[in-house]
Amino acid sequence: MNIEPSSEIRPFTVQGIKLNIPAPFAAGHTCTEGEASSLNQTLVENVRNNLAADIGESIKKGESLDVQQKMVDEYVGEYEFGVRRGGLRETDPVEAAAREIALEFAKRAVRKSGKSLKDYGMDQLRTDAEAALNDPTLGAKIRAKAEGVAKARAEALDL
């Protein structure tokens, strides 16, 4: 690999020790064939990982391959490398529970309106869930319930 002397240097940890590594890739970098292949593979892996639950849910509902392909197309259309999106794994147990509750809240609202979840789309559901979490009153209520859920989950693991 050709590393330019002006490349940014970033710290990373291996076996508990901090070392430095060059970050040779920057906006405008022309990719080699190998780099392009690696980026394409990373895209596939990220899309697979990030849509696995939604695709699985779609399969359980008996939805068509066209519905699942649309999910992929929409996701890829908005995908940006290195940008975390709503719906991804949350490590804070309270926030993870809050996101689950907000998503279910959004789904319930769609059902109550008489619309179909599959026609509404997962991206719009996530947007609605995020809006619910960002609403000062509703978000606080959701997070309060999420604290109870997270506590119950933690206690259940202490069997």
Protein backbone atom coordinates (compact mmCIF):
# COMPACT_ATOMS: atom_id res chain seq x y z
CA MET A 1 0.00 0.00 0.00
CA ASN A 2 1.30 3.42 -0.91
CA ILE A 3 1.01 5.72 2.12
CA GLU A 4 1.52 9.42 1.50
CA PRO A 5 3.74 11.08 4.11
CA SER A 6 1.01 13.68 4.65
CA SER A 7 -1.57 11.01 5.65
CA GLU A 8 -3.39 11.57 8.91
CA ILE A 9 -2.22 9.36 11.78
CA ARG A 10 -4.88 7.88 14.07
CA PRO A 11 -4.54 5.98 17.33
CA PHE A 12 -5.91 2.45 17.71
CA THR A 13 -5.71 -0.25 20.37
CA VAL A 14 -4.39 -3.80 19.96
CA GLN A 15 -4.21 -6.19 22.89
CA GLY A 16 -4.76 -3.30 25.27
CA ILE A 17 -1.92 -1.12 23.96
CA LYS A 18 -2.34 2.07 21.97
CA LEU A 19 -0.52 2.34 18.67
CA ASN A 20 -0.76 4.63 15.66
CA ILE A 21 -1.87 3.84 12.13
CA PRO A 22 -1.99 5.96 8.99
CA ALA A 23 -5.40 6.88 7.57
CA PRO A 24 -4.44 7.18 3.89
CA PHE A 25 -7.96 7.50 2.50
CA ALA A 26 -9.54 10.93 2.17
CA ALA A 27 -12.32 12.48 0.12
CA GLY A 28 -11.27 12.56 -3.50
CA HIS A 29 -8.91 9.58 -3.12
CA THR A 30 -8.79 7.52 -6.31
CA CYS A 31 -9.37 3.89 -5.38
CA THR A 32 -7.30 1.02 -6.63
CA GLU A 33 -9.12 -2.09 -7.83
CA GLY A 34 -8.50 -3.76 -4.46
CA GLU A 35 -9.74 -0.76 -2.49
CA ALA A 36 -12.89 -0.56 -4.61
CA SER A 37 -13.49 -4.29 -4.08
CA SER A 38 -13.03 -3.88 -0.33
CA LEU A 39 -15.43 -0.91 -0.19
CA ASN A 40 -18.04 -2.79 -2.23
CA GLN A 41 -17.71 -5.81 0.08
CA THR A 42 -18.03 -3.56 3.14
CA LEU A 43 -21.18 -2.04 1.66
CA VAL A 44 -22.69 -5.49 1.15
CA GLU A 45 -21.80 -6.54 4.70
CA ASN A 46 -23.14 -3.33 6.24
CA VAL A 47 -26.40 -3.53 4.32
CA ARG A 48 -26.78 -7.22 5.18
CA ASN A 49 -26.13 -6.58 8.88
CA ASN A 50 -28.29 -3.48 9.10
CA LEU A 51 -31.29 -4.92 7.25
CA ALA A 52 -31.19 -8.52 8.51
CA ALA A 53 -33.90 -8.02 11.14
CA ASP A 54 -36.17 -6.06 8.81
CA ILE A 55 -35.74 -8.58 5.98
CA GLY A 56 -36.40 -11.43 8.43
CA GLU A 57 -39.57 -9.70 9.60
CA SER A 58 -40.64 -9.22 5.99
CA ILE A 59 -40.05 -12.90 5.21
CA LYS A 60 -42.10 -13.94 8.27
CA LYS A 61 -44.96 -11.77 7.00
CA GLY A 62 -44.77 -13.56 3.64
CA GLU A 63 -43.95 -10.39 1.75
CA SER A 64 -42.65 -10.68 -1.78
CA LEU A 65 -39.05 -10.48 -2.94
CA ASP A 66 -39.97 -7.14 -4.53
CA VAL A 67 -40.76 -5.70 -1.08
CA GLN A 68 -37.42 -6.88 0.27
CA GLN A 69 -35.53 -5.56 -2.76
CA LYS A 70 -37.25 -2.21 -2.28
CA MET A 71 -35.99 -2.18 1.32
CA VAL A 72 -32.44 -2.73 0.08
CA ASP A 73 -32.77 -0.15 -2.69
CA GLU A 74 -34.10 2.50 -0.30
CA TYR A 75 -31.45 1.77 2.29
CA VAL A 76 -28.59 1.87 -0.22
CA GLY A 77 -30.03 5.05 -1.74
CA GLU A 78 -29.55 6.83 1.60
CA TYR A 79 -26.42 4.97 2.74
CA GLU A 80 -23.28 6.89 3.59
CA PHE A 81 -20.08 5.19 4.71
CA GLY A 82 -19.17 6.05 8.28
CA VAL A 83 -22.52 7.65 9.12
CA ARG A 84 -24.57 5.92 11.80
CA ARG A 85 -28.28 5.81 11.12
CA GLY A 86 -31.23 5.35 13.36
CA GLY A 87 -32.18 1.76 13.84
CA LEU A 88 -28.66 0.53 14.28
CA ARG A 89 -27.50 -1.17 17.42
CA GLU A 90 -27.53 1.03 20.49
CA THR A 91 -25.18 0.08 23.31
CA ASP A 92 -26.95 2.03 26.08
CA PRO A 93 -29.67 -0.38 27.31
CA VAL A 94 -32.11 2.42 28.13
CA GLU A 95 -31.66 4.09 24.75
CA ALA A 96 -31.93 0.72 22.97
CA ALA A 97 -35.22 0.04 24.76
CA ALA A 98 -36.40 3.57 23.99
CA ARG A 99 -35.72 3.05 20.29
CA GLU A 100 -37.64 -0.24 20.32
CA ILE A 101 -40.59 1.38 22.07
CA ALA A 102 -40.54 4.40 19.73
CA LEU A 103 -40.52 2.10 16.68
CA GLU A 104 -43.47 0.12 18.03
CA PHE A 105 -45.22 3.41 18.83
CA ALA A 106 -44.72 4.52 15.21
CA LYS A 107 -45.99 1.17 13.89
CA ARG A 108 -49.09 1.43 16.07
CA ALA A 109 -49.79 4.93 14.77
CA VAL A 110 -49.58 3.69 11.17
CA ARG A 111 -51.92 0.78 11.90
CA LYS A 112 -54.40 3.09 13.66
CA SER A 113 -54.41 5.34 10.59
CA GLY A 114 -55.49 2.37 8.48
CA LYS A 115 -52.28 2.27 6.44
CA SER A 116 -50.22 -0.83 5.73
CA LEU A 117 -46.81 -1.08 7.38
CA LYS A 118 -45.28 -2.52 4.23
CA ASP A 119 -46.62 0.36 2.14
CA TYR A 120 -45.51 2.91 4.73
CA GLY A 121 -41.90 1.73 4.67
CA MET A 122 -39.27 1.03 7.30
CA ASP A 123 -37.34 4.23 6.62
CA GLN A 124 -40.42 6.35 7.31
CA LEU A 125 -41.17 4.31 10.45
CA ARG A 126 -37.65 4.97 11.69
CA THR A 127 -38.05 8.67 10.93
CA ASP A 128 -41.32 8.76 12.86
CA ALA A 129 -39.74 6.85 15.76
CA GLU A 130 -36.84 9.31 15.84
CA ALA A 131 -39.30 12.21 15.83
CA ALA A 132 -41.14 10.65 18.77
CA LEU A 133 -37.87 10.31 20.68
CA ASN A 134 -36.96 13.93 19.90
CA ASP A 135 -40.34 15.28 21.02
CA PRO A 136 -39.74 16.79 24.50
CA THR A 137 -42.89 15.34 26.09
CA LEU A 138 -43.30 12.07 24.22
CA GLY A 139 -39.56 11.33 24.19
CA ALA A 140 -39.39 11.77 27.97
CA LYS A 141 -42.34 9.41 28.45
CA ILE A 142 -40.79 6.79 26.15
CA ARG A 143 -37.43 6.99 27.92
CA ALA A 144 -39.10 6.68 31.33
CA LYS A 145 -40.78 3.47 30.18
CA ALA A 146 -37.50 2.34 28.60
CA GLU A 147 -35.74 2.67 31.96
CA GLY A 148 -38.19 0.15 33.39
CA VAL A 149 -37.70 -2.19 30.43
CA ALA A 150 -33.91 -1.97 30.68
CA LYS A 151 -34.03 -2.57 34.44
CA ALA A 152 -36.31 -5.60 33.99
CA ARG A 153 -34.00 -7.02 31.34
CA ALA A 154 -30.96 -6.56 33.57
CA GLU A 155 -32.76 -8.21 36.50
CA ALA A 156 -33.85 -11.11 34.29
CA LEU A 157 -30.21 -11.77 33.44
CA ASP A 158 -29.32 -11.97 37.13
CA LEU A 159 -31.17 -15.28 37.60
